[in-house]
Amino acid sequence: MRSGSGIGSLVVVVWLIIGAVAAFQRGYFNPDREVSCRDFADTALTIVAGPLNYLGVNPKVDCETPQPSK
């Protein structure tokens, strides 16, 4: 195993952990919160944005689900 891939994996894991902390601080993991498509997408983007959240990035998604046909 190359040492570069181990370091890269560690960076990705730390990045996602920082993003999860940011999502927690914004209340995205509150069990009383009703989850919709938009809420799920906002949470996922916050986690993926990682440390950028602390630099002012506040990812939001406008998500519309298709209505069933009659």
Protein backbone atom coordinates (compact mmCIF):
# COMPACT_ATOMS: atom_id res chain seq x y z
CA MET A 1 0.00 0.00 0.00
CA ARG A 2 1.35 3.39 -0.95
CA SER A 3 1.62 5.94 1.82
CA GLY A 4 0.05 8.64 -0.39
CA SER A 5 -3.25 6.79 -0.61
CA GLY A 6 -3.35 6.37 3.17
CA ILE A 7 -2.82 10.07 3.71
CA GLY A 8 -5.44 10.92 1.07
CA SER A 9 -7.96 8.62 2.75
CA LEU A 10 -7.25 10.21 6.12
CA VAL A 11 -7.77 13.70 4.67
CA VAL A 12 -11.14 12.65 3.18
CA VAL A 13 -12.30 11.10 6.48
CA VAL A 14 -11.27 14.17 8.49
CA TRP A 15 -12.96 16.44 5.88
CA LEU A 16 -16.26 14.52 6.21
CA ILE A 17 -16.08 14.47 10.01
CA ILE A 18 -15.68 18.26 10.05
CA GLY A 19 -18.69 18.51 7.72
CA ALA A 20 -20.74 16.26 10.01
CA VAL A 21 -19.85 18.48 12.98
CA ALA A 22 -21.01 21.54 11.02
CA ALA A 23 -24.30 19.79 10.15
CA PHE A 24 -24.78 18.86 13.81
CA GLN A 25 -24.15 22.46 14.90
CA ARG A 26 -26.82 23.63 12.42
CA GLY A 27 -29.34 21.22 13.96
CA TYR A 28 -29.65 18.94 10.93
CA PHE A 29 -29.53 15.82 13.10
CA ASN A 30 -32.32 16.94 15.45
CA PRO A 31 -34.66 13.93 15.90
CA ASP A 32 -37.72 16.22 16.09
CA ARG A 33 -36.96 17.71 12.68
CA GLU A 34 -39.19 16.62 9.82
CA VAL A 35 -37.04 15.34 6.96
CA SER A 36 -37.85 16.31 3.39
CA CYS A 37 -35.94 16.06 0.14
CA ARG A 38 -34.56 19.55 0.70
CA ASP A 39 -33.52 18.86 4.30
CA PHE A 40 -31.75 15.67 3.28
CA ALA A 41 -29.92 17.42 0.44
CA ASP A 42 -28.93 20.38 2.65
CA THR A 43 -27.51 17.97 5.24
CA ALA A 44 -25.57 15.98 2.63
CA LEU A 45 -24.13 19.13 1.03
CA THR A 46 -23.11 20.52 4.42
CA ILE A 47 -21.23 17.30 5.19
CA VAL A 48 -19.55 17.23 1.78
CA ALA A 49 -18.58 20.92 2.05
CA GLY A 50 -16.61 19.99 5.18
CA PRO A 51 -14.33 22.76 6.47
CA LEU A 52 -15.68 25.20 3.88
CA ASN A 53 -18.70 25.58 6.18
CA TYR A 54 -16.48 27.50 8.59
CA LEU A 55 -15.37 29.81 5.79
CA GLY A 56 -18.92 31.01 5.16
CA VAL A 57 -20.21 28.36 2.75
CA ASN A 58 -23.85 27.60 3.55
CA PRO A 59 -25.05 25.10 0.93
CA LYS A 60 -28.78 25.00 0.29
CA VAL A 61 -30.84 23.02 -2.20
CA ASP A 62 -34.22 23.77 -3.72
CA CYS A 63 -35.65 20.30 -4.18
CA GLU A 64 -39.00 19.52 -5.76
CA THR A 65 -40.33 15.99 -5.92
CA PRO A 66 -42.48 15.03 -8.90
CA GLN A 67 -46.20 14.66 -8.30
CA PRO A 68 -47.79 11.31 -9.14
CA SER A 69 -49.81 11.15 -12.32
CA LYS A 70 -53.58 10.72 -12.12
